[in-house]
Amino acid sequence: MLAPTPDAGSVNDNVVRLAGLLDVRSVGDVRQLLNDLIDRTDGDVVVDLEAVDAVDATGLGLLVATHRRTQLLGRRLVLRHPVPSVVRILAVTRLHRILAVERTPLPISA
């Protein structure tokens, strides 16, 4: 189950941290959360996917719709730190070419 929670780090941040599954059961709550964030803030909208285990077609549709809405407003949707399984889904669907994705940097080994 998804537990959408706004980032408690800073009031000025446009960051939403999600956890669990972004699927047909959770997409309604996440849509409302993202729409509220877009309405009350300026600048890029960042969705932290570090704790999201999987995204289904409905979740991908939500991300594309949010991308389109932010783009119409002259803003960006940024997907931050998706896990490898989510990165694979974005690559297979070629959405990584459309959506801004900030991947977790790989650790440097000596």
N, C-alpha and C. Protein backbone atom coordinates (compact mmCIF):
# COMPACT_ATOMS: atom_id res chain seq x y z
N MET A 1 0.84 -1.19 0.00
CA MET A 1 0.00 0.00 0.00
C MET A 1 0.87 1.24 0.00
N LEU A 2 0.44 2.24 -0.67
CA LEU A 2 1.20 3.47 -0.78
C LEU A 2 0.89 4.39 0.39
N ALA A 3 1.91 5.03 0.90
CA ALA A 3 1.73 6.02 1.96
C ALA A 3 2.28 7.34 1.47
N PRO A 4 1.49 8.13 0.74
CA PRO A 4 2.00 9.40 0.24
C PRO A 4 2.14 10.40 1.37
N THR A 5 3.33 10.93 1.52
CA THR A 5 3.55 11.91 2.57
C THR A 5 4.37 13.05 2.02
N PRO A 6 3.93 14.29 2.27
CA PRO A 6 4.74 15.41 1.82
C PRO A 6 6.05 15.44 2.58
N ASP A 7 7.07 15.94 1.94
CA ASP A 7 8.39 16.06 2.55
C ASP A 7 8.31 17.00 3.74
N ALA A 8 8.70 16.53 4.91
CA ALA A 8 8.64 17.35 6.12
C ALA A 8 9.90 18.19 6.29
N GLY A 9 10.85 18.09 5.37
CA GLY A 9 12.11 18.80 5.52
C GLY A 9 12.00 20.30 5.46
N SER A 10 11.24 20.83 4.52
CA SER A 10 11.16 22.27 4.34
C SER A 10 9.80 22.64 3.76
N VAL A 11 9.25 23.71 4.26
CA VAL A 11 7.95 24.16 3.79
C VAL A 11 8.03 24.63 2.34
N ASN A 12 9.18 25.18 1.93
CA ASN A 12 9.33 25.71 0.58
C ASN A 12 9.66 24.64 -0.46
N ASP A 13 10.00 23.45 -0.01
CA ASP A 13 10.31 22.39 -0.97
C ASP A 13 9.05 21.93 -1.69
N ASN A 14 9.21 21.63 -2.95
CA ASN A 14 8.12 21.07 -3.74
C ASN A 14 8.32 19.58 -3.88
N VAL A 15 8.56 18.91 -2.77
CA VAL A 15 8.91 17.49 -2.79
C VAL A 15 7.80 16.66 -2.14
N VAL A 16 7.42 15.58 -2.82
CA VAL A 16 6.50 14.59 -2.27
C VAL A 16 7.25 13.28 -2.23
N ARG A 17 7.29 12.68 -1.06
CA ARG A 17 7.95 11.37 -0.91
C ARG A 17 6.87 10.30 -0.87
N LEU A 18 7.03 9.29 -1.71
CA LEU A 18 6.06 8.21 -1.78
C LEU A 18 6.71 6.91 -1.33
N ALA A 19 5.88 5.99 -0.85
CA ALA A 19 6.39 4.70 -0.41
C ALA A 19 5.38 3.62 -0.78
N GLY A 20 5.87 2.41 -1.00
CA GLY A 20 5.01 1.27 -1.29
C GLY A 20 4.77 1.09 -2.77
N LEU A 21 3.51 0.93 -3.15
CA LEU A 21 3.14 0.69 -4.53
C LEU A 21 2.38 1.88 -5.09
N LEU A 22 2.74 2.31 -6.28
CA LEU A 22 1.99 3.33 -6.99
C LEU A 22 1.14 2.59 -8.01
N ASP A 23 -0.07 2.23 -7.57
CA ASP A 23 -0.93 1.38 -8.40
C ASP A 23 -2.36 1.91 -8.40
N VAL A 24 -3.25 1.15 -8.98
CA VAL A 24 -4.64 1.57 -9.16
C VAL A 24 -5.31 1.91 -7.83
N ARG A 25 -4.91 1.26 -6.74
CA ARG A 25 -5.52 1.53 -5.43
C ARG A 25 -5.03 2.83 -4.81
N SER A 26 -3.84 3.26 -5.11
CA SER A 26 -3.26 4.43 -4.45
C SER A 26 -3.23 5.68 -5.32
N VAL A 27 -3.47 5.54 -6.62
CA VAL A 27 -3.26 6.64 -7.54
C VAL A 27 -4.21 7.81 -7.27
N GLY A 28 -5.42 7.56 -6.79
CA GLY A 28 -6.36 8.64 -6.50
C GLY A 28 -5.83 9.58 -5.42
N ASP A 29 -5.33 9.00 -4.34
CA ASP A 29 -4.77 9.81 -3.24
C ASP A 29 -3.54 10.58 -3.69
N VAL A 30 -2.69 9.92 -4.46
CA VAL A 30 -1.46 10.56 -4.94
C VAL A 30 -1.80 11.69 -5.92
N ARG A 31 -2.80 11.46 -6.78
CA ARG A 31 -3.22 12.50 -7.72
C ARG A 31 -3.66 13.75 -6.97
N GLN A 32 -4.47 13.57 -5.93
CA GLN A 32 -4.94 14.70 -5.14
C GLN A 32 -3.77 15.42 -4.47
N LEU A 33 -2.85 14.66 -3.93
CA LEU A 33 -1.67 15.23 -3.27
C LEU A 33 -0.84 16.05 -4.26
N LEU A 34 -0.60 15.50 -5.44
CA LEU A 34 0.20 16.22 -6.45
C LEU A 34 -0.53 17.46 -6.96
N ASN A 35 -1.83 17.35 -7.20
CA ASN A 35 -2.59 18.51 -7.66
C ASN A 35 -2.58 19.63 -6.62
N ASP A 36 -2.72 19.27 -5.35
CA ASP A 36 -2.65 20.27 -4.28
C ASP A 36 -1.28 20.94 -4.24
N LEU A 37 -0.24 20.13 -4.40
CA LEU A 37 1.13 20.67 -4.39
C LEU A 37 1.34 21.62 -5.57
N ILE A 38 0.87 21.25 -6.74
CA ILE A 38 1.02 22.10 -7.93
C ILE A 38 0.26 23.41 -7.73
N ASP A 39 -0.93 23.33 -7.14
CA ASP A 39 -1.76 24.52 -6.96
C ASP A 39 -1.18 25.51 -5.95
N ARG A 40 -0.50 25.02 -4.92
CA ARG A 40 -0.05 25.92 -3.86
C ARG A 40 1.43 26.30 -3.92
N THR A 41 2.18 25.77 -4.89
CA THR A 41 3.61 26.07 -4.96
C THR A 41 4.00 26.55 -6.35
N ASP A 42 5.24 27.04 -6.44
CA ASP A 42 5.83 27.42 -7.72
C ASP A 42 7.07 26.56 -7.94
N GLY A 43 7.55 26.52 -9.17
CA GLY A 43 8.78 25.79 -9.48
C GLY A 43 8.52 24.33 -9.77
N ASP A 44 9.61 23.58 -9.86
CA ASP A 44 9.54 22.16 -10.19
C ASP A 44 8.80 21.38 -9.10
N VAL A 45 8.14 20.32 -9.51
CA VAL A 45 7.47 19.39 -8.59
C VAL A 45 8.33 18.13 -8.57
N VAL A 46 8.83 17.79 -7.40
CA VAL A 46 9.72 16.64 -7.26
C VAL A 46 8.98 15.51 -6.56
N VAL A 47 8.99 14.34 -7.19
CA VAL A 47 8.40 13.14 -6.59
C VAL A 47 9.54 12.19 -6.25
N ASP A 48 9.77 11.98 -4.96
CA ASP A 48 10.83 11.09 -4.51
C ASP A 48 10.29 9.67 -4.52
N LEU A 49 10.88 8.84 -5.38
CA LEU A 49 10.42 7.46 -5.56
C LEU A 49 11.34 6.44 -4.90
N GLU A 50 12.21 6.89 -4.02
CA GLU A 50 13.20 6.00 -3.42
C GLU A 50 12.57 4.83 -2.67
N ALA A 51 11.40 5.05 -2.07
CA ALA A 51 10.75 3.99 -1.29
C ALA A 51 9.58 3.35 -2.03
N VAL A 52 9.43 3.63 -3.33
CA VAL A 52 8.35 3.04 -4.12
C VAL A 52 8.85 1.72 -4.70
N ASP A 53 8.15 0.64 -4.38
CA ASP A 53 8.58 -0.69 -4.82
C ASP A 53 8.22 -0.97 -6.27
N ALA A 54 7.06 -0.51 -6.71
CA ALA A 54 6.61 -0.81 -8.07
C ALA A 54 5.59 0.23 -8.52
N VAL A 55 5.48 0.36 -9.85
CA VAL A 55 4.53 1.28 -10.47
C VAL A 55 3.79 0.50 -11.55
N ASP A 56 2.46 0.54 -11.53
CA ASP A 56 1.71 -0.13 -12.58
C ASP A 56 1.30 0.88 -13.66
N ALA A 57 0.53 0.43 -14.64
CA ALA A 57 0.14 1.29 -15.76
C ALA A 57 -0.65 2.52 -15.29
N THR A 58 -1.46 2.36 -14.27
CA THR A 58 -2.22 3.48 -13.75
C THR A 58 -1.29 4.52 -13.11
N GLY A 59 -0.28 4.04 -12.40
CA GLY A 59 0.71 4.94 -11.81
C GLY A 59 1.50 5.68 -12.87
N LEU A 60 1.87 4.96 -13.94
CA LEU A 60 2.58 5.62 -15.04
C LEU A 60 1.70 6.68 -15.69
N GLY A 61 0.41 6.38 -15.84
CA GLY A 61 -0.52 7.34 -16.40
C GLY A 61 -0.61 8.60 -15.55
N LEU A 62 -0.61 8.42 -14.24
CA LEU A 62 -0.62 9.57 -13.33
C LEU A 62 0.63 10.42 -13.50
N LEU A 63 1.79 9.78 -13.61
CA LEU A 63 3.04 10.52 -13.78
C LEU A 63 3.04 11.30 -15.09
N VAL A 64 2.53 10.70 -16.15
CA VAL A 64 2.47 11.39 -17.45
C VAL A 64 1.49 12.56 -17.37
N ALA A 65 0.33 12.36 -16.76
CA ALA A 65 -0.66 13.44 -16.63
C ALA A 65 -0.10 14.59 -15.79
N THR A 66 0.61 14.26 -14.73
CA THR A 66 1.22 15.30 -13.89
C THR A 66 2.31 16.03 -14.65
N HIS A 67 3.08 15.29 -15.43
CA HIS A 67 4.11 15.91 -16.28
C HIS A 67 3.47 16.91 -17.25
N ARG A 68 2.38 16.50 -17.89
CA ARG A 68 1.70 17.40 -18.84
C ARG A 68 1.17 18.64 -18.14
N ARG A 69 0.59 18.46 -16.96
CA ARG A 69 0.04 19.61 -16.24
C ARG A 69 1.14 20.58 -15.84
N THR A 70 2.24 20.07 -15.31
CA THR A 70 3.33 20.97 -14.92
C THR A 70 3.94 21.65 -16.13
N GLN A 71 4.04 20.93 -17.24
CA GLN A 71 4.60 21.49 -18.46
C GLN A 71 3.74 22.65 -18.99
N LEU A 72 2.43 22.51 -18.91
CA LEU A 72 1.52 23.58 -19.34
C LEU A 72 1.69 24.84 -18.49
N LEU A 73 2.13 24.64 -17.25
CA LEU A 73 2.34 25.76 -16.33
C LEU A 73 3.77 26.30 -16.40
N GLY A 74 4.58 25.77 -17.33
CA GLY A 74 5.97 26.20 -17.45
C GLY A 74 6.86 25.65 -16.36
N ARG A 75 6.48 24.51 -15.80
CA ARG A 75 7.23 23.88 -14.71
C ARG A 75 7.64 22.48 -15.14
N ARG A 76 8.31 21.76 -14.25
CA ARG A 76 8.75 20.40 -14.55
C ARG A 76 8.32 19.45 -13.45
N LEU A 77 8.06 18.21 -13.84
CA LEU A 77 7.92 17.11 -12.89
C LEU A 77 9.25 16.38 -12.89
N VAL A 78 9.83 16.19 -11.72
CA VAL A 78 11.11 15.51 -11.59
C VAL A 78 10.90 14.27 -10.73
N LEU A 79 11.29 13.11 -11.24
CA LEU A 79 11.24 11.85 -10.49
C LEU A 79 12.60 11.63 -9.88
N ARG A 80 12.67 11.65 -8.56
CA ARG A 80 13.95 11.57 -7.86
C ARG A 80 14.17 10.17 -7.29
N HIS A 81 15.36 9.65 -7.52
CA HIS A 81 15.85 8.39 -6.93
C HIS A 81 14.92 7.18 -7.08
N PRO A 82 14.46 6.89 -8.30
CA PRO A 82 13.64 5.68 -8.46
C PRO A 82 14.50 4.43 -8.25
N VAL A 83 13.89 3.40 -7.70
CA VAL A 83 14.58 2.13 -7.49
C VAL A 83 14.77 1.45 -8.85
N PRO A 84 15.70 0.49 -8.96
CA PRO A 84 15.98 -0.16 -10.25
C PRO A 84 14.75 -0.72 -10.96
N SER A 85 13.81 -1.31 -10.23
CA SER A 85 12.63 -1.87 -10.89
C SER A 85 11.78 -0.78 -11.54
N VAL A 86 11.70 0.39 -10.91
CA VAL A 86 10.94 1.50 -11.49
C VAL A 86 11.71 2.08 -12.68
N VAL A 87 13.03 2.15 -12.58
CA VAL A 87 13.85 2.63 -13.70
C VAL A 87 13.65 1.73 -14.91
N ARG A 88 13.58 0.41 -14.70
CA ARG A 88 13.34 -0.53 -15.79
C ARG A 88 11.99 -0.29 -16.45
N ILE A 89 10.96 -0.06 -15.66
CA ILE A 89 9.63 0.20 -16.21
C ILE A 89 9.65 1.48 -17.04
N LEU A 90 10.31 2.51 -16.54
CA LEU A 90 10.41 3.77 -17.28
C LEU A 90 11.18 3.57 -18.59
N ALA A 91 12.21 2.73 -18.56
CA ALA A 91 13.00 2.48 -19.77
C ALA A 91 12.21 1.65 -20.79
N VAL A 92 11.54 0.61 -20.34
CA VAL A 92 10.77 -0.26 -21.24
C VAL A 92 9.66 0.53 -21.92
N THR A 93 9.02 1.42 -21.18
CA THR A 93 7.94 2.23 -21.74
C THR A 93 8.46 3.49 -22.44
N ARG A 94 9.78 3.67 -22.39
CA ARG A 94 10.46 4.84 -22.97
C ARG A 94 10.04 6.17 -22.34
N LEU A 95 9.45 6.10 -21.17
CA LEU A 95 9.07 7.33 -20.48
C LEU A 95 10.28 8.06 -19.91
N HIS A 96 11.41 7.35 -19.79
CA HIS A 96 12.62 8.02 -19.31
C HIS A 96 13.09 9.09 -20.30
N ARG A 97 12.59 9.02 -21.53
CA ARG A 97 12.94 10.04 -22.53
C ARG A 97 12.08 11.29 -22.39
N ILE A 98 10.94 11.15 -21.75
CA ILE A 98 9.99 12.25 -21.61
C ILE A 98 10.06 12.88 -20.22
N LEU A 99 10.11 12.03 -19.21
CA LEU A 99 10.09 12.49 -17.83
C LEU A 99 11.51 12.78 -17.34
N ALA A 100 11.65 13.81 -16.52
CA ALA A 100 12.95 14.12 -15.92
C ALA A 100 13.18 13.16 -14.75
N VAL A 101 14.27 12.39 -14.83
CA VAL A 101 14.57 11.38 -13.81
C VAL A 101 15.94 11.69 -13.22
N GLU A 102 15.97 11.85 -11.90
CA GLU A 102 17.24 12.01 -11.17
C GLU A 102 17.54 10.68 -10.49
N ARG A 103 18.55 9.98 -11.00
CA ARG A 103 18.89 8.68 -10.44
C ARG A 103 19.83 8.83 -9.27
N THR A 104 19.80 7.84 -8.39
CA THR A 104 20.68 7.81 -7.26
C THR A 104 22.10 7.58 -7.76
N PRO A 105 23.06 8.45 -7.36
CA PRO A 105 24.43 8.25 -7.82
C PRO A 105 25.00 6.94 -7.28
N LEU A 106 25.80 6.29 -8.11
CA LEU A 106 26.45 5.05 -7.69
C LEU A 106 27.60 5.38 -6.74
N PRO A 107 27.80 4.55 -5.73
CA PRO A 107 28.91 4.81 -4.81
C PRO A 107 30.25 4.60 -5.53
N ILE A 108 31.21 5.42 -5.18
CA ILE A 108 32.55 5.31 -5.76
C ILE A 108 33.37 4.40 -4.88
N SER A 109 33.92 3.34 -5.50
CA SER A 109 34.74 2.41 -4.71
C SER A 109 36.20 2.65 -5.04
N ALA A 110 37.03 2.49 -4.03
CA ALA A 110 38.45 2.74 -4.19
C ALA A 110 39.21 1.49 -4.51
